[in-house]
């Protein structure tokens, strides 16, 4: 049940209210003929009709590259200096319910054996506003991983588009309630008829319990089916970079012989160098092995270790794959 209404003409006021207080407003917008999450300053920049942004909003919490330390090489020592985390007040508007559900896994990983303040401080300063999907395509499969356009996992505020072009607003978390209260002048009392939601059909035959049981069985580790399903994978890593639940990174020192930066950069288990040892040995030498690892992460490793969804059914990996690999084909195979 909606708590408030955000009228169509008041969206611009909400953006102004957020940015006027020094915050940044992130929303799906059109760039290079694609829908992407970017910082916006006016309502006209927000894409009016979209299925899903090409990129995940995770990059505003976990940037593709960031400096975590600086160093200077002295005669007898190396002077290492930490850097302050950039964590501006951020509003992510228009995220879909599927990708908001990925936050549980991100939070678990970055607070697991070490609290990564580069993530947690940004997360603390970010309000996630999801909008229920009114359209979709054949790549959407959230209902097959026990989510739907009505899901509120990970969202601070959940909105439904209304037939008059506005939004029915429901504040869910304490953070979301404080946000609505802080911008109270923008929101209205009342009700409005919500537009119908798009409900993806479940992928035939998919059984998450059977998938989990089969992946835990080590006899399937070298199953020839991996080669059959993933031989055409070219290891480009596109699937991991657009995925909201992928969070692998590498740390490298970049600079000169005298000074430089220690950087955290996104990495991908699909790259042939990801598990390459200094000795030259690679335990995942062939691409089907690397694709197997990605699937195991989604449906075995991370759900077991962090009790969170490794796959949220957004379908981004299906849309961007240049060789048309479809993760739902593998889900069906391991549901037998």
C-alpha atoms as a PDB file:
ATOM      1  CA  UNK A   1       0.000   0.000   0.000  1.00  0.00           C
ATOM      2  CA  UNK A   2       1.420   3.353  -1.038  1.00  0.00           C
ATOM      3  CA  UNK A   3       2.421   5.842   1.640  1.00  0.00           C
ATOM      4  CA  UNK A   4       2.689   8.873  -0.651  1.00  0.00           C
ATOM      5  CA  UNK A   5       2.343  10.033  -4.238  1.00  0.00           C
ATOM      6  CA  UNK A   6       5.072  11.583  -6.375  1.00  0.00           C
ATOM      7  CA  UNK A   7       3.359  13.556  -9.116  1.00  0.00           C
ATOM      8  CA  UNK A   8       4.904  13.661 -12.577  1.00  0.00           C
ATOM      9  CA  UNK A   9       5.558  17.381 -12.347  1.00  0.00           C
ATOM     10  CA  UNK A  10       7.205  16.971  -8.928  1.00  0.00           C
ATOM     11  CA  UNK A  11       9.984  14.645 -10.079  1.00  0.00           C
ATOM     12  CA  UNK A  12      12.014  17.701 -11.119  1.00  0.00           C
ATOM     13  CA  UNK A  13      11.455  19.143  -7.648  1.00  0.00           C
ATOM     14  CA  UNK A  14      12.750  15.931  -6.062  1.00  0.00           C
ATOM     15  CA  UNK A  15      15.929  16.088  -8.151  1.00  0.00           C
ATOM     16  CA  UNK A  16      16.398  19.746  -7.229  1.00  0.00           C
ATOM     17  CA  UNK A  17      15.773  18.978  -3.566  1.00  0.00           C
ATOM     18  CA  UNK A  18      18.430  16.231  -3.566  1.00  0.00           C
ATOM     19  CA  UNK A  19      21.055  18.110  -5.578  1.00  0.00           C
ATOM     20  CA  UNK A  20      20.324  21.354  -3.751  1.00  0.00           C
ATOM     21  CA  UNK A  21      21.461  19.671  -0.543  1.00  0.00           C
ATOM     22  CA  UNK A  22      24.727  18.563  -2.152  1.00  0.00           C
ATOM     23  CA  UNK A  23      23.628  15.084  -3.157  1.00  0.00           C
ATOM     24  CA  UNK A  24      23.793  13.337  -6.508  1.00  0.00           C
ATOM     25  CA  UNK A  25      20.762  11.916  -8.282  1.00  0.00           C
ATOM     26  CA  UNK A  26      21.460   8.796 -10.355  1.00  0.00           C
ATOM     27  CA  UNK A  27      18.866   7.484 -12.792  1.00  0.00           C
ATOM     28  CA  UNK A  28      18.503   5.607 -16.107  1.00  0.00           C
ATOM     29  CA  UNK A  29      19.177   7.967 -18.983  1.00  0.00           C
ATOM     30  CA  UNK A  30      19.959   7.617 -22.690  1.00  0.00           C
ATOM     31  CA  UNK A  31      23.618   7.723 -23.735  1.00  0.00           C
ATOM     32  CA  UNK A  32      24.969   6.465 -27.054  1.00  0.00           C
ATOM     33  CA  UNK A  33      21.481   5.083 -27.820  1.00  0.00           C
ATOM     34  CA  UNK A  34      21.529   2.894 -24.716  1.00  0.00           C
ATOM     35  CA  UNK A  35      19.826   3.196 -21.348  1.00  0.00           C
ATOM     36  CA  UNK A  36      22.474   3.586 -18.656  1.00  0.00           C
ATOM     37  CA  UNK A  37      22.643   4.714 -15.044  1.00  0.00           C
ATOM     38  CA  UNK A  38      24.215   8.168 -14.865  1.00  0.00           C
ATOM     39  CA  UNK A  39      24.122  11.227 -12.672  1.00  0.00           C
ATOM     40  CA  UNK A  40      21.292  13.531 -13.822  1.00  0.00           C
ATOM     41  CA  UNK A  41      20.391  17.109 -12.971  1.00  0.00           C
ATOM     42  CA  UNK A  42      16.902  17.419 -14.458  1.00  0.00           C
ATOM     43  CA  UNK A  43      13.844  15.245 -14.970  1.00  0.00           C
ATOM     44  CA  UNK A  44      14.022  15.461 -18.772  1.00  0.00           C
ATOM     45  CA  UNK A  45      17.243  13.435 -18.718  1.00  0.00           C
ATOM     46  CA  UNK A  46      15.540  10.387 -17.190  1.00  0.00           C
ATOM     47  CA  UNK A  47      14.537   7.736 -19.725  1.00  0.00           C
ATOM     48  CA  UNK A  48      10.709   7.607 -19.768  1.00  0.00           C
ATOM     49  CA  UNK A  49      10.263   4.090 -21.091  1.00  0.00           C
ATOM     50  CA  UNK A  50      12.857   1.359 -20.522  1.00  0.00           C
ATOM     51  CA  UNK A  51      13.169  -2.253 -19.475  1.00  0.00           C
ATOM     52  CA  UNK A  52      16.497  -2.190 -17.687  1.00  0.00           C
ATOM     53  CA  UNK A  53      19.602  -0.010 -17.734  1.00  0.00           C
ATOM     54  CA  UNK A  54      22.497  -1.661 -19.566  1.00  0.00           C
ATOM     55  CA  UNK A  55      24.809  -1.195 -16.577  1.00  0.00           C
ATOM     56  CA  UNK A  56      24.071  -1.962 -12.941  1.00  0.00           C
ATOM     57  CA  UNK A  57      23.999   0.811 -10.367  1.00  0.00           C
ATOM     58  CA  UNK A  58      26.611  -1.212  -8.413  1.00  0.00           C
ATOM     59  CA  UNK A  59      29.322   0.972  -9.974  1.00  0.00           C
ATOM     60  CA  UNK A  60      28.180   3.884  -7.792  1.00  0.00           C
ATOM     61  CA  UNK A  61      28.885   1.770  -4.698  1.00  0.00           C
ATOM     62  CA  UNK A  62      31.752  -0.289  -6.084  1.00  0.00           C
ATOM     63  CA  UNK A  63      33.437   1.735  -8.882  1.00  0.00           C
ATOM     64  CA  UNK A  64      35.122   0.049 -11.819  1.00  0.00           C
ATOM     65  CA  UNK A  65      38.411   1.558 -10.658  1.00  0.00           C
ATOM     66  CA  UNK A  66      39.337   3.539  -7.567  1.00  0.00           C
ATOM     67  CA  UNK A  67      42.454   4.663  -5.737  1.00  0.00           C
ATOM     68  CA  UNK A  68      42.717   3.091  -2.268  1.00  0.00           C
ATOM     69  CA  UNK A  69      46.240   4.320  -1.403  1.00  0.00           C
ATOM     70  CA  UNK A  70      49.096   6.437  -2.723  1.00  0.00           C
ATOM     71  CA  UNK A  71      52.804   5.752  -2.353  1.00  0.00           C
ATOM     72  CA  UNK A  72      56.156   7.428  -2.763  1.00  0.00           C
ATOM     73  CA  UNK A  73      59.359   5.419  -3.136  1.00  0.00           C
ATOM     74  CA  UNK A  74      62.105   6.909  -0.966  1.00  0.00           C
ATOM     75  CA  UNK A  75      65.761   5.918  -0.695  1.00  0.00           C
ATOM     76  CA  UNK A  76      65.294   3.405   2.113  1.00  0.00           C
ATOM     77  CA  UNK A  77      61.527   3.198   2.542  1.00  0.00           C
ATOM     78  CA  UNK A  78      58.191   3.351   0.774  1.00  0.00           C
ATOM     79  CA  UNK A  79      55.803   5.984   2.102  1.00  0.00           C
ATOM     80  CA  UNK A  80      52.254   4.563   1.829  1.00  0.00           C
ATOM     81  CA  UNK A  81      49.311   6.891   2.432  1.00  0.00           C
ATOM     82  CA  UNK A  82      45.641   6.014   2.641  1.00  0.00           C
ATOM     83  CA  UNK A  83      43.027   8.086   0.808  1.00  0.00           C
ATOM     84  CA  UNK A  84      39.667   9.363   1.969  1.00  0.00           C
ATOM     85  CA  UNK A  85      36.634   7.499   0.685  1.00  0.00           C
ATOM     86  CA  UNK A  86      34.466   9.583  -1.640  1.00  0.00           C
ATOM     87  CA  UNK A  87      30.942   8.831  -0.451  1.00  0.00           C
ATOM     88  CA  UNK A  88      28.548  11.606  -1.507  1.00  0.00           C
ATOM     89  CA  UNK A  89      24.880  11.450  -0.545  1.00  0.00           C
ATOM     90  CA  UNK A  90      23.389   9.520  -3.463  1.00  0.00           C
ATOM     91  CA  UNK A  91      19.895   8.682  -4.617  1.00  0.00           C
ATOM     92  CA  UNK A  92      19.565   5.818  -7.114  1.00  0.00           C
ATOM     93  CA  UNK A  93      16.197   6.301  -8.799  1.00  0.00           C
ATOM     94  CA  UNK A  94      14.509   3.865 -11.174  1.00  0.00           C
ATOM     95  CA  UNK A  95      16.427   0.724 -10.267  1.00  0.00           C
ATOM     96  CA  UNK A  96      14.494  -2.448 -10.944  1.00  0.00           C
ATOM     97  CA  UNK A  97      13.501  -4.770  -8.063  1.00  0.00           C
ATOM     98  CA  UNK A  98      15.693  -7.576  -9.428  1.00  0.00           C
ATOM     99  CA  UNK A  99      18.964  -5.663  -9.211  1.00  0.00           C
ATOM    100  CA  UNK A 100      18.180  -4.152  -5.805  1.00  0.00           C
ATOM    101  CA  UNK A 101      18.059  -7.721  -4.500  1.00  0.00           C
ATOM    102  CA  UNK A 102      21.768  -8.023  -5.348  1.00  0.00           C
ATOM    103  CA  UNK A 103      22.702  -5.658  -2.519  1.00  0.00           C
ATOM    104  CA  UNK A 104      22.439  -8.367   0.153  1.00  0.00           C
ATOM    105  CA  UNK A 105      25.282 -10.292  -1.458  1.00  0.00           C
ATOM    106  CA  UNK A 106      27.403  -7.187  -1.943  1.00  0.00           C
ATOM    107  CA  UNK A 107      26.963  -6.206   1.707  1.00  0.00           C
ATOM    108  CA  UNK A 108      27.817  -9.713   2.892  1.00  0.00           C
ATOM    109  CA  UNK A 109      30.991  -9.910   0.825  1.00  0.00           C
ATOM    110  CA  UNK A 110      32.369  -6.473   1.696  1.00  0.00           C
ATOM    111  CA  UNK A 111      31.821  -7.010   5.435  1.00  0.00           C
ATOM    112  CA  UNK A 112      32.786 -10.688   5.529  1.00  0.00           C
ATOM    113  CA  UNK A 113      36.330 -11.031   6.958  1.00  0.00           C
ATOM    114  CA  UNK A 114      37.171  -7.336   6.559  1.00  0.00           C
ATOM    115  CA  UNK A 115      34.971  -4.252   6.507  1.00  0.00           C
ATOM    116  CA  UNK A 116      35.660  -2.508   3.204  1.00  0.00           C
ATOM    117  CA  UNK A 117      34.824   1.116   3.990  1.00  0.00           C
ATOM    118  CA  UNK A 118      35.116   2.085   0.330  1.00  0.00           C
ATOM    119  CA  UNK A 119      31.888   0.130  -0.164  1.00  0.00           C
ATOM    120  CA  UNK A 120      30.178   0.468   3.212  1.00  0.00           C
ATOM    121  CA  UNK A 121      30.450   4.257   3.459  1.00  0.00           C
ATOM    122  CA  UNK A 122      28.951   4.652  -0.013  1.00  0.00           C
ATOM    123  CA  UNK A 123      26.256   2.130   0.818  1.00  0.00           C
ATOM    124  CA  UNK A 124      25.395   3.994   4.029  1.00  0.00           C
ATOM    125  CA  UNK A 125      25.016   7.240   2.060  1.00  0.00           C
ATOM    126  CA  UNK A 126      22.906   5.772  -0.759  1.00  0.00           C
ATOM    127  CA  UNK A 127      19.111   5.564  -0.955  1.00  0.00           C
ATOM    128  CA  UNK A 128      17.859   2.986  -3.467  1.00  0.00           C
ATOM    129  CA  UNK A 129      14.499   3.767  -5.056  1.00  0.00           C
ATOM    130  CA  UNK A 130      13.129   0.921  -7.139  1.00  0.00           C
ATOM    131  CA  UNK A 131      10.324   1.198  -9.683  1.00  0.00           C
ATOM    132  CA  UNK A 132       8.232  -1.874 -10.493  1.00  0.00           C
ATOM    133  CA  UNK A 133       8.571  -3.077 -14.098  1.00  0.00           C
ATOM    134  CA  UNK A 134       5.702  -2.318 -16.458  1.00  0.00           C
ATOM    135  CA  UNK A 135       7.472  -3.892 -19.447  1.00  0.00           C
ATOM    136  CA  UNK A 136      10.056  -6.595 -20.057  1.00  0.00           C
ATOM    137  CA  UNK A 137      11.480  -8.906 -22.693  1.00  0.00           C
ATOM    138  CA  UNK A 138      12.419 -12.542 -23.261  1.00  0.00           C
ATOM    139  CA  UNK A 139      15.677 -12.118 -21.292  1.00  0.00           C
ATOM    140  CA  UNK A 140      13.853 -11.301 -18.031  1.00  0.00           C
ATOM    141  CA  UNK A 141      13.672 -14.300 -15.688  1.00  0.00           C
ATOM    142  CA  UNK A 142      13.395 -12.858 -12.161  1.00  0.00           C
ATOM    143  CA  UNK A 143      10.389 -15.065 -11.393  1.00  0.00           C
ATOM    144  CA  UNK A 144      12.595 -18.141 -11.961  1.00  0.00           C
ATOM    145  CA  UNK A 145      14.866 -17.134  -9.048  1.00  0.00           C
ATOM    146  CA  UNK A 146      11.988 -16.340  -6.673  1.00  0.00           C
ATOM    147  CA  UNK A 147      11.813 -12.607  -7.324  1.00  0.00           C
ATOM    148  CA  UNK A 148       9.277 -10.468  -9.177  1.00  0.00           C
ATOM    149  CA  UNK A 149       8.548  -6.836 -10.122  1.00  0.00           C
ATOM    150  CA  UNK A 150       6.800  -6.642  -6.745  1.00  0.00           C
ATOM    151  CA  UNK A 151       9.906  -7.650  -4.778  1.00  0.00           C
ATOM    152  CA  UNK A 152      11.232  -5.097  -2.288  1.00  0.00           C
ATOM    153  CA  UNK A 153      14.497  -6.795  -1.273  1.00  0.00           C
ATOM    154  CA  UNK A 154      17.308  -4.241  -1.096  1.00  0.00           C
ATOM    155  CA  UNK A 155      15.076  -1.233  -1.789  1.00  0.00           C
ATOM    156  CA  UNK A 156      14.719   1.699   0.591  1.00  0.00           C
ATOM    157  CA  UNK A 157      11.740   3.091  -1.328  1.00  0.00           C
ATOM    158  CA  UNK A 158       9.532   1.119  -3.719  1.00  0.00           C
ATOM    159  CA  UNK A 159       7.513   2.915  -6.382  1.00  0.00           C
ATOM    160  CA  UNK A 160       4.841   1.940  -8.870  1.00  0.00           C
ATOM    161  CA  UNK A 161       4.200   3.984 -11.999  1.00  0.00           C
ATOM    162  CA  UNK A 162       0.680   5.407 -12.063  1.00  0.00           C
ATOM    163  CA  UNK A 163      -1.588   5.868 -15.060  1.00  0.00           C
ATOM    164  CA  UNK A 164      -1.289   9.651 -14.821  1.00  0.00           C
ATOM    165  CA  UNK A 165       2.513   9.524 -15.191  1.00  0.00           C
ATOM    166  CA  UNK A 166       3.399   9.812 -11.524  1.00  0.00           C
ATOM    167  CA  UNK A 167       4.450   7.288  -8.890  1.00  0.00           C
ATOM    168  CA  UNK A 168       2.845   5.594  -5.919  1.00  0.00           C
ATOM    169  CA  UNK A 169       5.494   5.673  -3.198  1.00  0.00           C
ATOM    170  CA  UNK A 170       6.127   3.205  -0.387  1.00  0.00           C
ATOM    171  CA  UNK A 171       8.984   3.891   2.059  1.00  0.00           C
ATOM    172  CA  UNK A 172      10.341   0.548   3.289  1.00  0.00           C
ATOM    173  CA  UNK A 173      13.438   1.028   5.434  1.00  0.00           C
ATOM    174  CA  UNK A 174      14.371   3.572   8.077  1.00  0.00           C
ATOM    175  CA  UNK A 175      16.676   5.126   5.515  1.00  0.00           C
ATOM    176  CA  UNK A 176      13.818   5.322   3.021  1.00  0.00           C
ATOM    177  CA  UNK A 177      11.436   6.828   5.560  1.00  0.00           C
ATOM    178  CA  UNK A 178      13.999   9.467   6.539  1.00  0.00           C
ATOM    179  CA  UNK A 179      14.508  10.275   2.849  1.00  0.00           C
ATOM    180  CA  UNK A 180      10.799  10.804   2.232  1.00  0.00           C
ATOM    181  CA  UNK A 181      10.562  12.913   5.395  1.00  0.00           C
ATOM    182  CA  UNK A 182      13.600  15.003   4.401  1.00  0.00           C
ATOM    183  CA  UNK A 183      11.960  15.836   1.054  1.00  0.00           C
ATOM    184  CA  UNK A 184       8.383  15.938   2.367  1.00  0.00           C
ATOM    185  CA  UNK A 185       7.465  19.026   0.350  1.00  0.00           C
ATOM    186  CA  UNK A 186       7.872  17.033  -2.874  1.00  0.00           C
ATOM    187  CA  UNK A 187       5.565  14.139  -1.970  1.00  0.00           C
ATOM    188  CA  UNK A 188       1.768  14.357  -1.821  1.00  0.00           C
ATOM    189  CA  UNK A 189      -0.940  12.589   0.105  1.00  0.00           C
ATOM    190  CA  UNK A 190      -3.556  10.638  -1.784  1.00  0.00           C
ATOM    191  CA  UNK A 191      -3.836   7.688  -4.121  1.00  0.00           C
ATOM    192  CA  UNK A 192      -3.590   6.949  -7.810  1.00  0.00           C
ATOM    193  CA  UNK A 193      -4.192   3.910  -9.994  1.00  0.00           C
ATOM    194  CA  UNK A 194      -0.977   2.019 -10.632  1.00  0.00           C
ATOM    195  CA  UNK A 195      -0.080   0.669 -14.070  1.00  0.00           C
ATOM    196  CA  UNK A 196      -0.063  -3.104 -14.515  1.00  0.00           C
ATOM    197  CA  UNK A 197       3.231  -4.837 -13.804  1.00  0.00           C
ATOM    198  CA  UNK A 198       5.044  -7.066 -16.284  1.00  0.00           C
ATOM    199  CA  UNK A 199       5.433 -10.571 -14.877  1.00  0.00           C
ATOM    200  CA  UNK A 200       8.052 -12.673 -16.704  1.00  0.00           C
ATOM    201  CA  UNK A 201       7.073 -16.247 -17.379  1.00  0.00           C
ATOM    202  CA  UNK A 202       9.074 -18.790 -15.420  1.00  0.00           C
ATOM    203  CA  UNK A 203      11.716 -20.634 -17.430  1.00  0.00           C
ATOM    204  CA  UNK A 204      10.247 -24.105 -18.072  1.00  0.00           C
ATOM    205  CA  UNK A 205      11.710 -26.877 -15.952  1.00  0.00           C
ATOM    206  CA  UNK A 206      13.958 -24.732 -13.753  1.00  0.00           C
ATOM    207  CA  UNK A 207      14.212 -26.095 -10.210  1.00  0.00           C
ATOM    208  CA  UNK A 208      16.571 -24.116  -7.937  1.00  0.00           C
ATOM    209  CA  UNK A 209      16.642 -26.868  -5.325  1.00  0.00           C
ATOM    210  CA  UNK A 210      17.765 -29.468  -7.868  1.00  0.00           C
ATOM    211  CA  UNK A 211      20.373 -27.061  -9.269  1.00  0.00           C
ATOM    212  CA  UNK A 212      21.808 -26.524  -5.786  1.00  0.00           C
ATOM    213  CA  UNK A 213      21.863 -30.246  -4.999  1.00  0.00           C
ATOM    214  CA  UNK A 214      23.609 -31.142  -8.268  1.00  0.00           C
ATOM    215  CA  UNK A 215      26.235 -28.424  -7.925  1.00  0.00           C
ATOM    216  CA  UNK A 216      27.083 -29.583  -4.395  1.00  0.00           C
ATOM    217  CA  UNK A 217      27.738 -33.059  -5.781  1.00  0.00           C
ATOM    218  CA  UNK A 218      31.425 -33.017  -6.739  1.00  0.00           C
ATOM    219  CA  UNK A 219      30.890 -35.757  -9.315  1.00  0.00           C
ATOM    220  CA  UNK A 220      29.343 -33.095 -11.558  1.00  0.00           C
ATOM    221  CA  UNK A 221      32.441 -30.896 -11.399  1.00  0.00           C
ATOM    222  CA  UNK A 222      33.975 -32.475 -14.506  1.00  0.00           C
ATOM    223  CA  UNK A 223      30.673 -33.214 -16.200  1.00  0.00           C
ATOM    224  CA  UNK A 224      31.108 -33.050 -20.029  1.00  0.00           C
ATOM    225  CA  UNK A 225      27.961 -30.919 -20.126  1.00  0.00           C
ATOM    226  CA  UNK A 226      30.039 -27.848 -19.184  1.00  0.00           C
ATOM    227  CA  UNK A 227      32.021 -28.175 -22.398  1.00  0.00           C
ATOM    228  CA  UNK A 228      28.849 -28.702 -24.429  1.00  0.00           C
ATOM    229  CA  UNK A 229      27.138 -25.645 -22.961  1.00  0.00           C
ATOM    230  CA  UNK A 230      30.016 -23.188 -22.812  1.00  0.00           C
ATOM    231  CA  UNK A 231      32.515 -24.109 -25.524  1.00  0.00           C
ATOM    232  CA  UNK A 232      31.520 -21.075 -27.587  1.00  0.00           C
ATOM    233  CA  UNK A 233      32.304 -18.651 -24.707  1.00  0.00           C
ATOM    234  CA  UNK A 234      35.071 -16.278 -25.838  1.00  0.00           C
ATOM    235  CA  UNK A 235      35.968 -15.034 -22.361  1.00  0.00           C
ATOM    236  CA  UNK A 236      35.169 -11.378 -23.021  1.00  0.00           C
ATOM    237  CA  UNK A 237      33.876 -10.826 -19.466  1.00  0.00           C
ATOM    238  CA  UNK A 238      30.904  -8.722 -20.592  1.00  0.00           C
ATOM    239  CA  UNK A 239      28.498 -10.867 -18.567  1.00  0.00           C
ATOM    240  CA  UNK A 240      30.405 -10.240 -15.338  1.00  0.00           C
ATOM    241  CA  UNK A 241      30.755  -6.501 -15.871  1.00  0.00           C
ATOM    242  CA  UNK A 242      27.021  -5.908 -16.381  1.00  0.00           C
ATOM    243  CA  UNK A 243      25.958  -8.384 -13.684  1.00  0.00           C
ATOM    244  CA  UNK A 244      24.735  -6.706 -10.480  1.00  0.00           C
ATOM    245  CA  UNK A 245      25.934  -9.599  -8.304  1.00  0.00           C
ATOM    246  CA  UNK A 246      29.465 -10.043  -9.719  1.00  0.00           C
ATOM    247  CA  UNK A 247      31.981  -8.356  -7.421  1.00  0.00           C
ATOM    248  CA  UNK A 248      35.430  -9.759  -8.224  1.00  0.00           C
ATOM    249  CA  UNK A 249      38.275  -7.260  -8.153  1.00  0.00           C
ATOM    250  CA  UNK A 250      42.046  -7.089  -8.313  1.00  0.00           C
ATOM    251  CA  UNK A 251      44.421  -4.688  -6.564  1.00  0.00           C
ATOM    252  CA  UNK A 252      47.368  -3.349  -8.534  1.00  0.00           C
ATOM    253  CA  UNK A 253      50.092  -0.745  -8.053  1.00  0.00           C
ATOM    254  CA  UNK A 254      50.222   1.721 -10.939  1.00  0.00           C
ATOM    255  CA  UNK A 255      52.719   4.522 -11.440  1.00  0.00           C
ATOM    256  CA  UNK A 256      56.451   5.104 -11.880  1.00  0.00           C
ATOM    257  CA  UNK A 257      59.582   3.945 -10.073  1.00  0.00           C
ATOM    258  CA  UNK A 258      59.181   6.949  -7.764  1.00  0.00           C
ATOM    259  CA  UNK A 259      55.482   7.257  -6.963  1.00  0.00           C
ATOM    260  CA  UNK A 260      52.109   5.836  -7.791  1.00  0.00           C
ATOM    261  CA  UNK A 261      48.698   4.637  -6.719  1.00  0.00           C
ATOM    262  CA  UNK A 262      47.318   1.404  -5.378  1.00  0.00           C
ATOM    263  CA  UNK A 263      44.060   0.773  -7.251  1.00  0.00           C
ATOM    264  CA  UNK A 264      41.127  -1.552  -6.884  1.00  0.00           C
ATOM    265  CA  UNK A 265      39.901  -2.599 -10.352  1.00  0.00           C
ATOM    266  CA  UNK A 266      37.023  -4.797 -11.429  1.00  0.00           C
ATOM    267  CA  UNK A 267      38.165  -8.241 -12.531  1.00  0.00           C
ATOM    268  CA  UNK A 268      36.388 -11.177 -14.137  1.00  0.00           C
ATOM    269  CA  UNK A 269      36.521 -14.921 -13.575  1.00  0.00           C
ATOM    270  CA  UNK A 270      36.038 -15.236 -17.351  1.00  0.00           C
ATOM    271  CA  UNK A 271      39.522 -13.914 -18.109  1.00  0.00           C
ATOM    272  CA  UNK A 272      42.206 -16.521 -18.778  1.00  0.00           C
ATOM    273  CA  UNK A 273      44.590 -14.745 -16.385  1.00  0.00           C
ATOM    274  CA  UNK A 274      42.145 -14.653 -13.473  1.00  0.00           C
ATOM    275  CA  UNK A 275      43.434 -17.861 -11.861  1.00  0.00           C
ATOM    276  CA  UNK A 276      46.859 -17.932 -13.518  1.00  0.00           C
ATOM    277  CA  UNK A 277      49.536 -18.777 -10.942  1.00  0.00           C
ATOM    278  CA  UNK A 278      52.997 -17.213 -10.889  1.00  0.00           C
ATOM    279  CA  UNK A 279      54.354 -20.671 -11.739  1.00  0.00           C
ATOM    280  CA  UNK A 280      52.430 -20.622 -15.009  1.00  0.00           C
ATOM    281  CA  UNK A 281      49.916 -23.234 -13.850  1.00  0.00           C
ATOM    282  CA  UNK A 282      46.256 -22.359 -14.376  1.00  0.00           C
ATOM    283  CA  UNK A 283      43.676 -24.535 -12.548  1.00  0.00           C
ATOM    284  CA  UNK A 284      40.975 -23.207 -14.892  1.00  0.00           C
ATOM    285  CA  UNK A 285      42.892 -23.446 -18.127  1.00  0.00           C
ATOM    286  CA  UNK A 286      39.968 -23.760 -20.526  1.00  0.00           C
ATOM    287  CA  UNK A 287      37.000 -21.438 -21.005  1.00  0.00           C
ATOM    288  CA  UNK A 288      34.250 -23.953 -20.110  1.00  0.00           C
ATOM    289  CA  UNK A 289      35.968 -24.358 -16.719  1.00  0.00           C
ATOM    290  CA  UNK A 290      35.826 -20.624 -16.198  1.00  0.00           C
ATOM    291  CA  UNK A 291      32.164 -20.496 -17.239  1.00  0.00           C
ATOM    292  CA  UNK A 292      31.460 -23.373 -14.856  1.00  0.00           C
ATOM    293  CA  UNK A 293      32.978 -21.297 -12.053  1.00  0.00           C
ATOM    294  CA  UNK A 294      30.663 -18.386 -12.826  1.00  0.00           C
ATOM    295  CA  UNK A 295      27.597 -20.616 -12.712  1.00  0.00           C
ATOM    296  CA  UNK A 296      28.825 -22.276  -9.507  1.00  0.00           C
ATOM    297  CA  UNK A 297      29.250 -18.833  -7.922  1.00  0.00           C
ATOM    298  CA  UNK A 298      25.695 -17.876  -8.836  1.00  0.00           C
ATOM    299  CA  UNK A 299      23.951 -21.024  -7.656  1.00  0.00           C
ATOM    300  CA  UNK A 300      26.263 -22.678  -5.138  1.00  0.00           C
ATOM    301  CA  UNK A 301      29.246 -20.789  -3.699  1.00  0.00           C
ATOM    302  CA  UNK A 302      27.706 -17.423  -2.845  1.00  0.00           C
ATOM    303  CA  UNK A 303      24.221 -18.619  -1.815  1.00  0.00           C
ATOM    304  CA  UNK A 304      25.870 -21.142   0.513  1.00  0.00           C
ATOM    305  CA  UNK A 305      28.517 -18.841   1.940  1.00  0.00           C
ATOM    306  CA  UNK A 306      26.524 -15.614   2.214  1.00  0.00           C
ATOM    307  CA  UNK A 307      22.922 -16.827   2.241  1.00  0.00           C
ATOM    308  CA  UNK A 308      22.105 -14.426  -0.581  1.00  0.00           C
ATOM    309  CA  UNK A 309      21.076 -14.590  -4.217  1.00  0.00           C
ATOM    310  CA  UNK A 310      23.944 -15.085  -6.643  1.00  0.00           C
ATOM    311  CA  UNK A 311      21.612 -14.503  -9.589  1.00  0.00           C
ATOM    312  CA  UNK A 312      18.655 -12.108  -9.592  1.00  0.00           C
ATOM    313  CA  UNK A 313      17.275 -12.931 -13.039  1.00  0.00           C
ATOM    314  CA  UNK A 314      17.827  -9.497 -14.575  1.00  0.00           C
ATOM    315  CA  UNK A 315      18.960 -11.041 -17.874  1.00  0.00           C
ATOM    316  CA  UNK A 316      21.759  -8.547 -18.541  1.00  0.00           C
ATOM    317  CA  UNK A 317      24.260 -11.339 -19.244  1.00  0.00           C
ATOM    318  CA  UNK A 318      21.916 -12.774 -21.881  1.00  0.00           C
ATOM    319  CA  UNK A 319      21.456  -9.405 -23.597  1.00  0.00           C
ATOM    320  CA  UNK A 320      25.156  -8.519 -23.878  1.00  0.00           C
ATOM    321  CA  UNK A 321      26.673 -11.903 -24.739  1.00  0.00           C
ATOM    322  CA  UNK A 322      28.220 -11.658 -28.243  1.00  0.00           C
ATOM    323  CA  UNK A 323      27.901 -15.428 -28.808  1.00  0.00           C
ATOM    324  CA  UNK A 324      24.372 -15.708 -27.366  1.00  0.00           C
ATOM    325  CA  UNK A 325      25.151 -17.824 -24.320  1.00  0.00           C
ATOM    326  CA  UNK A 326      22.067 -18.063 -22.130  1.00  0.00           C
ATOM    327  CA  UNK A 327      22.431 -18.822 -18.427  1.00  0.00           C
ATOM    328  CA  UNK A 328      18.856 -20.161 -18.321  1.00  0.00           C
ATOM    329  CA  UNK A 329      19.904 -23.011 -20.653  1.00  0.00           C
ATOM    330  CA  UNK A 330      22.377 -24.124 -17.988  1.00  0.00           C
ATOM    331  CA  UNK A 331      19.734 -23.713 -15.276  1.00  0.00           C
ATOM    332  CA  UNK A 332      17.438 -26.022 -17.237  1.00  0.00           C
ATOM    333  CA  UNK A 333      20.232 -28.562 -17.793  1.00  0.00           C
ATOM    334  CA  UNK A 334      21.056 -28.793 -14.094  1.00  0.00           C
ATOM    335  CA  UNK A 335      17.390 -28.989 -13.106  1.00  0.00           C
ATOM    336  CA  UNK A 336      17.000 -32.415 -14.702  1.00  0.00           C
END
